[in-house]
C-alpha atoms as a PDB file:
ATOM      1  CA  UNK A   1     131.812 -20.059  43.045  1.00  0.00           C
ATOM      2  CA  UNK A   2     131.672 -16.941  44.533  1.00  0.00           C
ATOM      3  CA  UNK A   3     134.494 -17.590  47.237  1.00  0.00           C
ATOM      4  CA  UNK A   4     137.383 -15.307  47.999  1.00  0.00           C
ATOM      5  CA  UNK A   5     140.501 -17.286  46.993  1.00  0.00           C
ATOM      6  CA  UNK A   6     144.156 -16.403  47.611  1.00  0.00           C
ATOM      7  CA  UNK A   7     146.890 -18.126  45.416  1.00  0.00           C
ATOM      8  CA  UNK A   8     150.428 -18.655  46.858  1.00  0.00           C
ATOM      9  CA  UNK A   9     152.254 -19.085  43.801  1.00  0.00           C
ATOM     10  CA  UNK A  10     155.014 -17.816  41.261  1.00  0.00           C
ATOM     11  CA  UNK A  11     154.255 -14.212  40.324  1.00  0.00           C
ATOM     12  CA  UNK A  12     153.850 -15.659  36.035  1.00  0.00           C
ATOM     13  CA  UNK A  13     150.969 -17.370  37.158  1.00  0.00           C
ATOM     14  CA  UNK A  14     147.622 -16.872  35.614  1.00  0.00           C
ATOM     15  CA  UNK A  15     144.901 -16.936  37.717  1.00  0.00           C
ATOM     16  CA  UNK A  16     141.562 -15.397  38.618  1.00  0.00           C
ATOM     17  CA  UNK A  17     142.427 -15.533  42.383  1.00  0.00           C
ATOM     18  CA  UNK A  18     144.313 -12.869  44.424  1.00  0.00           C
ATOM     19  CA  UNK A  19     147.781 -13.729  43.684  1.00  0.00           C
ATOM     20  CA  UNK A  20     150.519 -13.682  46.381  1.00  0.00           C
ATOM     21  CA  UNK A  21     153.816 -14.049  44.712  1.00  0.00           C
ATOM     22  CA  UNK A  22     156.402 -16.133  46.511  1.00  0.00           C
ATOM     23  CA  UNK A  23     158.767 -15.301  43.723  1.00  0.00           C
ATOM     24  CA  UNK A  24     158.984 -14.042  39.861  1.00  0.00           C
ATOM     25  CA  UNK A  25     159.151 -17.024  37.911  1.00  0.00           C
ATOM     26  CA  UNK A  26     158.186 -20.953  38.317  1.00  0.00           C
ATOM     27  CA  UNK A  27     160.594 -22.940  39.199  1.00  0.00           C
ATOM     28  CA  UNK A  28     160.267 -25.501  36.391  1.00  0.00           C
ATOM     29  CA  UNK A  29     160.726 -22.554  34.040  1.00  0.00           C
ATOM     30  CA  UNK A  30     163.758 -20.818  35.900  1.00  0.00           C
ATOM     31  CA  UNK A  31     167.472 -22.585  35.179  1.00  0.00           C
ATOM     32  CA  UNK A  32     168.712 -20.318  37.977  1.00  0.00           C
ATOM     33  CA  UNK A  33     167.107 -22.440  40.586  1.00  0.00           C
ATOM     34  CA  UNK A  34     169.872 -24.283  42.475  1.00  0.00           C
ATOM     35  CA  UNK A  35     167.685 -25.202  45.723  1.00  0.00           C
ATOM     36  CA  UNK A  36     164.100 -25.790  45.582  1.00  0.00           C
ATOM     37  CA  UNK A  37     163.866 -26.951  48.922  1.00  0.00           C
ATOM     38  CA  UNK A  38     165.042 -23.310  50.397  1.00  0.00           C
ATOM     39  CA  UNK A  39     162.349 -21.593  48.200  1.00  0.00           C
ATOM     40  CA  UNK A  40     159.599 -24.172  49.251  1.00  0.00           C
ATOM     41  CA  UNK A  41     160.934 -23.386  53.085  1.00  0.00           C
ATOM     42  CA  UNK A  42     160.223 -19.844  52.903  1.00  0.00           C
ATOM     43  CA  UNK A  43     157.142 -20.042  50.977  1.00  0.00           C
ATOM     44  CA  UNK A  44     155.796 -22.101  54.088  1.00  0.00           C
ATOM     45  CA  UNK A  45     156.980 -19.641  56.367  1.00  0.00           C
ATOM     46  CA  UNK A  46     155.276 -16.670  54.523  1.00  0.00           C
ATOM     47  CA  UNK A  47     152.147 -18.668  54.570  1.00  0.00           C
ATOM     48  CA  UNK A  48     152.313 -19.190  58.255  1.00  0.00           C
ATOM     49  CA  UNK A  49     152.620 -15.894  59.059  1.00  0.00           C
ATOM     50  CA  UNK A  50     148.940 -14.954  57.232  1.00  0.00           C
ATOM     51  CA  UNK A  51     147.380 -18.271  58.509  1.00  0.00           C
ATOM     52  CA  UNK A  52     144.889 -16.401  60.239  1.00  0.00           C
ATOM     53  CA  UNK A  53     143.750 -14.376  57.716  1.00  0.00           C
ATOM     54  CA  UNK A  54     141.706 -17.613  56.018  1.00  0.00           C
ATOM     55  CA  UNK A  55     139.098 -19.894  56.921  1.00  0.00           C
ATOM     56  CA  UNK A  56     140.725 -23.077  55.236  1.00  0.00           C
ATOM     57  CA  UNK A  57     144.169 -23.478  53.806  1.00  0.00           C
ATOM     58  CA  UNK A  58     144.748 -25.939  51.000  1.00  0.00           C
ATOM     59  CA  UNK A  59     148.181 -27.319  50.296  1.00  0.00           C
ATOM     60  CA  UNK A  60     149.250 -29.083  47.072  1.00  0.00           C
ATOM     61  CA  UNK A  61     152.987 -29.433  48.021  1.00  0.00           C
ATOM     62  CA  UNK A  62     152.939 -32.795  49.533  1.00  0.00           C
ATOM     63  CA  UNK A  63     154.270 -33.069  53.180  1.00  0.00           C
ATOM     64  CA  UNK A  64     155.910 -29.824  53.502  1.00  0.00           C
ATOM     65  CA  UNK A  65     152.972 -28.053  55.300  1.00  0.00           C
ATOM     66  CA  UNK A  66     152.341 -30.996  58.120  1.00  0.00           C
ATOM     67  CA  UNK A  67     154.949 -30.074  60.858  1.00  0.00           C
ATOM     68  CA  UNK A  68     154.710 -26.412  60.566  1.00  0.00           C
ATOM     69  CA  UNK A  69     150.918 -26.006  59.961  1.00  0.00           C
ATOM     70  CA  UNK A  70     150.098 -28.604  62.679  1.00  0.00           C
ATOM     71  CA  UNK A  71     151.178 -25.781  65.341  1.00  0.00           C
ATOM     72  CA  UNK A  72     148.183 -23.431  64.139  1.00  0.00           C
ATOM     73  CA  UNK A  73     144.626 -23.164  64.504  1.00  0.00           C
ATOM     74  CA  UNK A  74     143.562 -22.665  60.652  1.00  0.00           C
ATOM     75  CA  UNK A  75     141.951 -25.573  59.500  1.00  0.00           C
ATOM     76  CA  UNK A  76     144.335 -27.364  56.683  1.00  0.00           C
ATOM     77  CA  UNK A  77     144.683 -30.075  54.403  1.00  0.00           C
ATOM     78  CA  UNK A  78     147.155 -31.130  51.545  1.00  0.00           C
ATOM     79  CA  UNK A  79     146.542 -32.925  48.265  1.00  0.00           C
ATOM     80  CA  UNK A  80     148.948 -35.451  47.834  1.00  0.00           C
ATOM     81  CA  UNK A  81     149.307 -35.417  44.005  1.00  0.00           C
ATOM     82  CA  UNK A  82     152.416 -38.077  43.752  1.00  0.00           C
ATOM     83  CA  UNK A  83     153.093 -41.756  44.214  1.00  0.00           C
ATOM     84  CA  UNK A  84     153.178 -42.720  48.025  1.00  0.00           C
ATOM     85  CA  UNK A  85     154.658 -46.261  47.553  1.00  0.00           C
ATOM     86  CA  UNK A  86     157.883 -45.016  48.774  1.00  0.00           C
ATOM     87  CA  UNK A  87     159.101 -46.710  52.248  1.00  0.00           C
ATOM     88  CA  UNK A  88     160.315 -43.631  53.522  1.00  0.00           C
ATOM     89  CA  UNK A  89     156.785 -42.026  53.496  1.00  0.00           C
ATOM     90  CA  UNK A  90     154.942 -44.577  55.366  1.00  0.00           C
ATOM     91  CA  UNK A  91     156.645 -43.535  58.855  1.00  0.00           C
ATOM     92  CA  UNK A  92     155.983 -39.750  57.968  1.00  0.00           C
ATOM     93  CA  UNK A  93     152.244 -40.173  57.550  1.00  0.00           C
ATOM     94  CA  UNK A  94     151.983 -42.236  60.382  1.00  0.00           C
ATOM     95  CA  UNK A  95     153.631 -39.521  62.410  1.00  0.00           C
ATOM     96  CA  UNK A  96     150.936 -36.872  61.250  1.00  0.00           C
ATOM     97  CA  UNK A  97     148.150 -39.291  60.909  1.00  0.00           C
ATOM     98  CA  UNK A  98     145.716 -36.889  62.194  1.00  0.00           C
ATOM     99  CA  UNK A  99     146.273 -34.651  59.545  1.00  0.00           C
ATOM    100  CA  UNK A 100     143.697 -34.574  56.612  1.00  0.00           C
ATOM    101  CA  UNK A 101     145.067 -35.496  53.358  1.00  0.00           C
ATOM    102  CA  UNK A 102     142.973 -35.860  50.057  1.00  0.00           C
ATOM    103  CA  UNK A 103     143.937 -38.407  47.437  1.00  0.00           C
ATOM    104  CA  UNK A 104     143.294 -37.799  43.560  1.00  0.00           C
ATOM    105  CA  UNK A 105     142.326 -41.511  43.076  1.00  0.00           C
ATOM    106  CA  UNK A 106     141.288 -44.424  45.298  1.00  0.00           C
ATOM    107  CA  UNK A 107     144.039 -46.454  43.924  1.00  0.00           C
ATOM    108  CA  UNK A 108     146.778 -43.858  45.156  1.00  0.00           C
ATOM    109  CA  UNK A 109     145.939 -44.496  49.228  1.00  0.00           C
ATOM    110  CA  UNK A 110     146.490 -48.029  48.905  1.00  0.00           C
ATOM    111  CA  UNK A 111     150.202 -47.956  50.368  1.00  0.00           C
ATOM    112  CA  UNK A 112     148.829 -45.399  53.116  1.00  0.00           C
ATOM    113  CA  UNK A 113     145.807 -47.219  54.546  1.00  0.00           C
ATOM    114  CA  UNK A 114     146.570 -45.310  57.892  1.00  0.00           C
ATOM    115  CA  UNK A 115     146.618 -41.891  56.795  1.00  0.00           C
ATOM    116  CA  UNK A 116     143.448 -39.468  57.739  1.00  0.00           C
ATOM    117  CA  UNK A 117     141.824 -39.320  54.217  1.00  0.00           C
ATOM    118  CA  UNK A 118     139.317 -36.915  53.940  1.00  0.00           C
ATOM    119  CA  UNK A 119     138.260 -38.006  50.611  1.00  0.00           C
ATOM    120  CA  UNK A 120     139.257 -38.659  47.210  1.00  0.00           C
ATOM    121  CA  UNK A 121     138.759 -35.870  44.532  1.00  0.00           C
ATOM    122  CA  UNK A 122     139.311 -36.331  40.876  1.00  0.00           C
ATOM    123  CA  UNK A 123     140.926 -33.814  38.903  1.00  0.00           C
ATOM    124  CA  UNK A 124     138.906 -31.658  36.723  1.00  0.00           C
ATOM    125  CA  UNK A 125     139.130 -29.259  33.692  1.00  0.00           C
ATOM    126  CA  UNK A 126     137.286 -25.920  32.669  1.00  0.00           C
ATOM    127  CA  UNK A 127     134.390 -27.744  30.463  1.00  0.00           C
ATOM    128  CA  UNK A 128     135.770 -25.234  27.501  1.00  0.00           C
ATOM    129  CA  UNK A 129     139.709 -25.602  27.686  1.00  0.00           C
ATOM    130  CA  UNK A 130     139.810 -28.663  25.161  1.00  0.00           C
ATOM    131  CA  UNK A 131     136.876 -28.517  22.389  1.00  0.00           C
ATOM    132  CA  UNK A 132     135.401 -31.612  21.622  1.00  0.00           C
ATOM    133  CA  UNK A 133     136.156 -32.907  17.901  1.00  0.00           C
ATOM    134  CA  UNK A 134     133.342 -34.823  16.099  1.00  0.00           C
ATOM    135  CA  UNK A 135     135.654 -36.927  13.693  1.00  0.00           C
ATOM    136  CA  UNK A 136     139.047 -38.615  14.255  1.00  0.00           C
ATOM    137  CA  UNK A 137     142.089 -38.298  12.250  1.00  0.00           C
ATOM    138  CA  UNK A 138     144.357 -40.793  10.641  1.00  0.00           C
ATOM    139  CA  UNK A 139     147.046 -41.070  13.588  1.00  0.00           C
ATOM    140  CA  UNK A 140     147.466 -42.308  17.389  1.00  0.00           C
ATOM    141  CA  UNK A 141     148.550 -39.982  19.878  1.00  0.00           C
ATOM    142  CA  UNK A 142     151.033 -40.091  22.878  1.00  0.00           C
ATOM    143  CA  UNK A 143     151.104 -37.127  25.444  1.00  0.00           C
ATOM    144  CA  UNK A 144     153.209 -37.256  28.662  1.00  0.00           C
ATOM    145  CA  UNK A 145     157.270 -37.410  29.650  1.00  0.00           C
ATOM    146  CA  UNK A 146     159.682 -39.459  28.362  1.00  0.00           C
ATOM    147  CA  UNK A 147     160.430 -42.068  31.054  1.00  0.00           C
ATOM    148  CA  UNK A 148     160.933 -45.306  31.836  1.00  0.00           C
ATOM    149  CA  UNK A 149     157.158 -45.402  33.525  1.00  0.00           C
ATOM    150  CA  UNK A 150     155.452 -44.104  30.834  1.00  0.00           C
ATOM    151  CA  UNK A 151     156.791 -46.379  27.850  1.00  0.00           C
ATOM    152  CA  UNK A 152     156.452 -44.486  25.002  1.00  0.00           C
ATOM    153  CA  UNK A 153     158.133 -47.457  23.677  1.00  0.00           C
ATOM    154  CA  UNK A 154     154.960 -49.672  23.807  1.00  0.00           C
ATOM    155  CA  UNK A 155     153.104 -46.936  22.362  1.00  0.00           C
ATOM    156  CA  UNK A 156     155.231 -46.917  19.357  1.00  0.00           C
ATOM    157  CA  UNK A 157     155.089 -50.535  19.021  1.00  0.00           C
ATOM    158  CA  UNK A 158     151.204 -50.597  19.463  1.00  0.00           C
ATOM    159  CA  UNK A 159     151.377 -48.345  16.257  1.00  0.00           C
ATOM    160  CA  UNK A 160     153.608 -50.007  14.186  1.00  0.00           C
ATOM    161  CA  UNK A 161     151.378 -53.269  14.737  1.00  0.00           C
ATOM    162  CA  UNK A 162     148.296 -51.694  13.765  1.00  0.00           C
ATOM    163  CA  UNK A 163     149.720 -49.515  11.079  1.00  0.00           C
ATOM    164  CA  UNK A 164     149.251 -46.153  11.927  1.00  0.00           C
ATOM    165  CA  UNK A 165     151.281 -42.957  12.675  1.00  0.00           C
ATOM    166  CA  UNK A 166     152.012 -41.826  15.824  1.00  0.00           C
ATOM    167  CA  UNK A 167     152.273 -38.254  17.004  1.00  0.00           C
ATOM    168  CA  UNK A 168     154.148 -37.757  20.405  1.00  0.00           C
ATOM    169  CA  UNK A 169     154.273 -34.854  22.671  1.00  0.00           C
ATOM    170  CA  UNK A 170     156.603 -35.204  25.653  1.00  0.00           C
ATOM    171  CA  UNK A 171     159.218 -33.274  27.622  1.00  0.00           C
ATOM    172  CA  UNK A 172     162.693 -34.755  28.349  1.00  0.00           C
ATOM    173  CA  UNK A 173     163.607 -34.283  32.041  1.00  0.00           C
ATOM    174  CA  UNK A 174     167.349 -34.010  32.623  1.00  0.00           C
ATOM    175  CA  UNK A 175     167.097 -37.352  34.653  1.00  0.00           C
ATOM    176  CA  UNK A 176     165.772 -38.895  31.690  1.00  0.00           C
ATOM    177  CA  UNK A 177     168.039 -37.761  29.083  1.00  0.00           C
ATOM    178  CA  UNK A 178     170.186 -41.052  29.326  1.00  0.00           C
ATOM    179  CA  UNK A 179     167.263 -43.286  28.639  1.00  0.00           C
ATOM    180  CA  UNK A 180     166.101 -41.127  25.884  1.00  0.00           C
ATOM    181  CA  UNK A 181     169.474 -41.353  24.315  1.00  0.00           C
ATOM    182  CA  UNK A 182     169.892 -44.842  24.503  1.00  0.00           C
ATOM    183  CA  UNK A 183     166.480 -46.433  24.146  1.00  0.00           C
ATOM    184  CA  UNK A 184     163.899 -43.894  22.981  1.00  0.00           C
ATOM    185  CA  UNK A 185     165.643 -41.870  20.404  1.00  0.00           C
ATOM    186  CA  UNK A 186     166.454 -44.460  18.043  1.00  0.00           C
ATOM    187  CA  UNK A 187     163.005 -46.059  18.151  1.00  0.00           C
ATOM    188  CA  UNK A 188     161.947 -41.878  16.949  1.00  0.00           C
ATOM    189  CA  UNK A 189     163.977 -42.409  13.575  1.00  0.00           C
ATOM    190  CA  UNK A 190     161.298 -44.937  12.254  1.00  0.00           C
ATOM    191  CA  UNK A 191     159.199 -43.017   9.427  1.00  0.00           C
ATOM    192  CA  UNK A 192     155.780 -43.341  11.136  1.00  0.00           C
ATOM    193  CA  UNK A 193     156.691 -41.516  14.129  1.00  0.00           C
ATOM    194  CA  UNK A 194     156.644 -37.874  14.581  1.00  0.00           C
ATOM    195  CA  UNK A 195     158.123 -36.192  17.562  1.00  0.00           C
ATOM    196  CA  UNK A 196     156.779 -32.789  18.472  1.00  0.00           C
ATOM    197  CA  UNK A 197     158.445 -31.918  21.571  1.00  0.00           C
ATOM    198  CA  UNK A 198     156.335 -30.097  24.138  1.00  0.00           C
ATOM    199  CA  UNK A 199     153.028 -28.520  23.063  1.00  0.00           C
ATOM    200  CA  UNK A 200     151.108 -25.615  24.479  1.00  0.00           C
ATOM    201  CA  UNK A 201     147.288 -25.642  24.930  1.00  0.00           C
ATOM    202  CA  UNK A 202     146.603 -24.915  21.326  1.00  0.00           C
ATOM    203  CA  UNK A 203     148.915 -27.583  20.351  1.00  0.00           C
ATOM    204  CA  UNK A 204     147.572 -30.556  22.709  1.00  0.00           C
ATOM    205  CA  UNK A 205     143.995 -29.757  21.573  1.00  0.00           C
ATOM    206  CA  UNK A 206     144.733 -30.288  17.952  1.00  0.00           C
ATOM    207  CA  UNK A 207     146.858 -33.362  19.133  1.00  0.00           C
ATOM    208  CA  UNK A 208     144.553 -35.043  21.150  1.00  0.00           C
ATOM    209  CA  UNK A 209     141.521 -33.924  19.243  1.00  0.00           C
ATOM    210  CA  UNK A 210     142.573 -35.192  15.795  1.00  0.00           C
ATOM    211  CA  UNK A 211     143.661 -38.516  17.251  1.00  0.00           C
ATOM    212  CA  UNK A 212     142.356 -41.910  16.660  1.00  0.00           C
ATOM    213  CA  UNK A 213     143.089 -42.538  20.065  1.00  0.00           C
ATOM    214  CA  UNK A 214     145.330 -41.440  22.812  1.00  0.00           C
ATOM    215  CA  UNK A 215     147.758 -44.482  23.883  1.00  0.00           C
ATOM    216  CA  UNK A 216     148.792 -44.433  27.758  1.00  0.00           C
ATOM    217  CA  UNK A 217     150.657 -47.698  28.150  1.00  0.00           C
ATOM    218  CA  UNK A 218     152.072 -47.020  31.539  1.00  0.00           C
ATOM    219  CA  UNK A 219     154.393 -49.252  33.387  1.00  0.00           C
ATOM    220  CA  UNK A 220     153.961 -47.953  37.313  1.00  0.00           C
ATOM    221  CA  UNK A 221     151.062 -47.288  39.663  1.00  0.00           C
ATOM    222  CA  UNK A 222     149.638 -43.842  38.295  1.00  0.00           C
ATOM    223  CA  UNK A 223     148.228 -41.805  40.906  1.00  0.00           C
ATOM    224  CA  UNK A 224     145.847 -40.142  38.288  1.00  0.00           C
ATOM    225  CA  UNK A 225     146.891 -39.186  34.621  1.00  0.00           C
ATOM    226  CA  UNK A 226     145.231 -35.958  34.028  1.00  0.00           C
ATOM    227  CA  UNK A 227     145.993 -36.577  29.972  1.00  0.00           C
ATOM    228  CA  UNK A 228     143.332 -39.507  29.955  1.00  0.00           C
ATOM    229  CA  UNK A 229     140.938 -36.953  30.999  1.00  0.00           C
ATOM    230  CA  UNK A 230     142.040 -34.325  28.557  1.00  0.00           C
ATOM    231  CA  UNK A 231     141.645 -36.527  25.374  1.00  0.00           C
ATOM    232  CA  UNK A 232     138.235 -37.483  26.814  1.00  0.00           C
ATOM    233  CA  UNK A 233     137.414 -33.793  26.688  1.00  0.00           C
ATOM    234  CA  UNK A 234     138.308 -34.092  23.289  1.00  0.00           C
ATOM    235  CA  UNK A 235     136.003 -36.780  22.560  1.00  0.00           C
ATOM    236  CA  UNK A 236     139.155 -38.979  21.978  1.00  0.00           C
ATOM    237  CA  UNK A 237     138.955 -42.838  23.626  1.00  0.00           C
ATOM    238  CA  UNK A 238     142.195 -43.805  25.406  1.00  0.00           C
ATOM    239  CA  UNK A 239     143.564 -47.300  25.581  1.00  0.00           C
ATOM    240  CA  UNK A 240     145.322 -47.572  28.775  1.00  0.00           C
ATOM    241  CA  UNK A 241     147.291 -50.130  30.679  1.00  0.00           C
ATOM    242  CA  UNK A 242     145.389 -51.504  33.820  1.00  0.00           C
ATOM    243  CA  UNK A 243     147.504 -50.024  36.989  1.00  0.00           C
ATOM    244  CA  UNK A 244     146.794 -47.264  39.764  1.00  0.00           C
ATOM    245  CA  UNK A 245     143.849 -44.810  38.825  1.00  0.00           C
ATOM    246  CA  UNK A 246     142.923 -46.028  35.293  1.00  0.00           C
ATOM    247  CA  UNK A 247     140.070 -48.302  35.780  1.00  0.00           C
ATOM    248  CA  UNK A 248     139.154 -45.465  37.999  1.00  0.00           C
ATOM    249  CA  UNK A 249     139.188 -42.973  35.230  1.00  0.00           C
ATOM    250  CA  UNK A 250     138.594 -44.965  32.100  1.00  0.00           C
ATOM    251  CA  UNK A 251     134.774 -46.298  31.428  1.00  0.00           C
ATOM    252  CA  UNK A 252     136.065 -49.369  29.681  1.00  0.00           C
ATOM    253  CA  UNK A 253     134.213 -49.899  26.333  1.00  0.00           C
ATOM    254  CA  UNK A 254     132.819 -46.184  26.745  1.00  0.00           C
ATOM    255  CA  UNK A 255     135.835 -43.363  27.027  1.00  0.00           C
ATOM    256  CA  UNK A 256     138.051 -45.863  26.233  1.00  0.00           C
ATOM    257  CA  UNK A 257     139.754 -49.569  26.761  1.00  0.00           C
ATOM    258  CA  UNK A 258     141.714 -50.832  29.875  1.00  0.00           C
ATOM    259  CA  UNK A 259     144.353 -53.588  28.863  1.00  0.00           C
ATOM    260  CA  UNK A 260     146.961 -55.445  30.664  1.00  0.00           C
ATOM    261  CA  UNK A 261     149.153 -56.942  27.570  1.00  0.00           C
ATOM    262  CA  UNK A 262     150.472 -55.438  24.286  1.00  0.00           C
ATOM    263  CA  UNK A 263     148.127 -58.149  22.359  1.00  0.00           C
ATOM    264  CA  UNK A 264     144.692 -56.459  24.107  1.00  0.00           C
ATOM    265  CA  UNK A 265     146.426 -53.037  23.616  1.00  0.00           C
ATOM    266  CA  UNK A 266     146.743 -53.718  19.552  1.00  0.00           C
ATOM    267  CA  UNK A 267     143.344 -55.279  19.673  1.00  0.00           C
ATOM    268  CA  UNK A 268     141.349 -52.254  21.579  1.00  0.00           C
ATOM    269  CA  UNK A 269     143.539 -49.372  19.472  1.00  0.00           C
ATOM    270  CA  UNK A 270     142.196 -51.258  15.992  1.00  0.00           C
ATOM    271  CA  UNK A 271     138.515 -50.978  17.818  1.00  0.00           C
ATOM    272  CA  UNK A 272     138.949 -47.569  19.213  1.00  0.00           C
ATOM    273  CA  UNK A 273     137.352 -45.717  16.213  1.00  0.00           C
ATOM    274  CA  UNK A 274     133.890 -47.777  16.720  1.00  0.00           C
ATOM    275  CA  UNK A 275     133.363 -45.670  19.739  1.00  0.00           C
ATOM    276  CA  UNK A 276     131.320 -43.154  20.065  1.00  0.00           C
ATOM    277  CA  UNK A 277     133.264 -39.916  20.684  1.00  0.00           C
ATOM    278  CA  UNK A 278     130.070 -38.024  22.110  1.00  0.00           C
ATOM    279  CA  UNK A 279     129.931 -40.507  24.695  1.00  0.00           C
ATOM    280  CA  UNK A 280     133.786 -39.795  25.682  1.00  0.00           C
ATOM    281  CA  UNK A 281     132.899 -36.548  26.160  1.00  0.00           C
ATOM    282  CA  UNK A 282     129.667 -36.970  28.086  1.00  0.00           C
ATOM    283  CA  UNK A 283     131.506 -39.026  30.612  1.00  0.00           C
ATOM    284  CA  UNK A 284     134.100 -35.917  30.900  1.00  0.00           C
ATOM    285  CA  UNK A 285     131.372 -33.427  31.402  1.00  0.00           C
ATOM    286  CA  UNK A 286     129.672 -35.836  34.067  1.00  0.00           C
ATOM    287  CA  UNK A 287     133.096 -36.501  35.940  1.00  0.00           C
ATOM    288  CA  UNK A 288     135.806 -34.494  35.243  1.00  0.00           C
ATOM    289  CA  UNK A 289     134.842 -30.705  35.133  1.00  0.00           C
ATOM    290  CA  UNK A 290     136.666 -28.233  37.314  1.00  0.00           C
ATOM    291  CA  UNK A 291     133.351 -27.383  38.826  1.00  0.00           C
ATOM    292  CA  UNK A 292     132.859 -30.792  39.639  1.00  0.00           C
ATOM    293  CA  UNK A 293     136.324 -30.683  41.319  1.00  0.00           C
ATOM    294  CA  UNK A 294     135.269 -27.655  43.285  1.00  0.00           C
ATOM    295  CA  UNK A 295     132.257 -28.790  44.629  1.00  0.00           C
ATOM    296  CA  UNK A 296     134.088 -32.065  46.007  1.00  0.00           C
ATOM    297  CA  UNK A 297     136.780 -29.719  47.767  1.00  0.00           C
ATOM    298  CA  UNK A 298     134.035 -27.370  49.229  1.00  0.00           C
ATOM    299  CA  UNK A 299     132.352 -30.324  50.716  1.00  0.00           C
ATOM    300  CA  UNK A 300     135.751 -31.425  52.619  1.00  0.00           C
ATOM    301  CA  UNK A 301     136.389 -27.589  53.455  1.00  0.00           C
ATOM    302  CA  UNK A 302     132.826 -27.200  54.929  1.00  0.00           C
ATOM    303  CA  UNK A 303     133.514 -30.752  56.781  1.00  0.00           C
ATOM    304  CA  UNK A 304     136.917 -29.397  58.219  1.00  0.00           C
ATOM    305  CA  UNK A 305     135.733 -25.940  59.376  1.00  0.00           C
ATOM    306  CA  UNK A 306     132.648 -27.255  61.233  1.00  0.00           C
ATOM    307  CA  UNK A 307     134.845 -29.722  63.376  1.00  0.00           C
ATOM    308  CA  UNK A 308     137.254 -26.976  64.205  1.00  0.00           C
ATOM    309  CA  UNK A 309     134.609 -24.839  65.096  1.00  0.00           C
ATOM    310  CA  UNK A 310     132.914 -27.237  67.319  1.00  0.00           C
ATOM    311  CA  UNK A 311     136.733 -28.029  68.853  1.00  0.00           C
ATOM    312  CA  UNK A 312     137.101 -24.181  69.308  1.00  0.00           C
ATOM    313  CA  UNK A 313     133.561 -24.083  71.262  1.00  0.00           C
ATOM    314  CA  UNK A 314     134.629 -27.168  73.305  1.00  0.00           C
ATOM    315  CA  UNK A 315     138.153 -25.048  74.334  1.00  0.00           C
ATOM    316  CA  UNK A 316     136.131 -22.489  75.310  1.00  0.00           C
ATOM    317  CA  UNK A 317     134.097 -24.224  77.342  1.00  0.00           C
ATOM    318  CA  UNK A 318     137.306 -25.818  79.194  1.00  0.00           C
ATOM    319  CA  UNK A 319     138.899 -22.270  79.948  1.00  0.00           C
ATOM    320  CA  UNK A 320     135.508 -20.819  81.393  1.00  0.00           C
ATOM    321  CA  UNK A 321     135.113 -23.989  83.596  1.00  0.00           C
ATOM    322  CA  UNK A 322     139.343 -23.372  84.500  1.00  0.00           C
ATOM    323  CA  UNK A 323     138.319 -19.622  85.460  1.00  0.00           C
ATOM    324  CA  UNK A 324     135.461 -20.274  87.416  1.00  0.00           C
END
């Protein structure tokens, strides 16, 4: 949109911004990393030393910048991407209650009503990242992590009851390996279940675009759920459990169905093929593109910089009066 952007990230990042590499390789892809907190702390310090070069600093690192960057004058904000219903977080955000933060859904804000919310900005994707698919295939899809709160077991049961195969693309984090081994691996042995492992962007487009529906049977307060808008971009409706952001993201009866129990999920999945896939795509284009996300953030940046300019003018007047 014509702005100069510097991205502080790993050196293997692919970006059109000016890249300021903090290390060679992304943390998640580097098995040699032992203490990622040390890497984060170093990154915060390096950004702090360059803060005066920028009009706005925008963090996506949760609470890490709050203390250090509250001690400098460049306007900054941080987008909170994770769950906020952890008891330890409330005292922290109350301590830094004057720091602007951004939510990725209104539902995400509920545990921290006292925070200084600068706005809610829904995630967005480039319009051409995932192509629209006119007609569905003959299977259901699940895309996400294999973890208790994502409930892939529910997705498999829905597929069994509606009589459709299910293709599952998911990663297994080390912390969830035992859960997978004990509770999920046996379910994957059923003939209608196909486990794909992790997929790249091309594989994601094929998986989502060819599905009758994406199943999103979560069992937690989902802050956003990017996979829902990825499916919508392909024209694929989503059957999702009500919780967290789901009712904000899914237009019930248009881009999918919002359900509250297994029986309702089975019924909704059987009706998913009746939804207009073109309308699913239209909802994505209207609400969840990267350009819309950028405009939302620019409005917040402008608000922050105008307030800071006003405060700095006020400071100058006070200094002048003192010198006089």
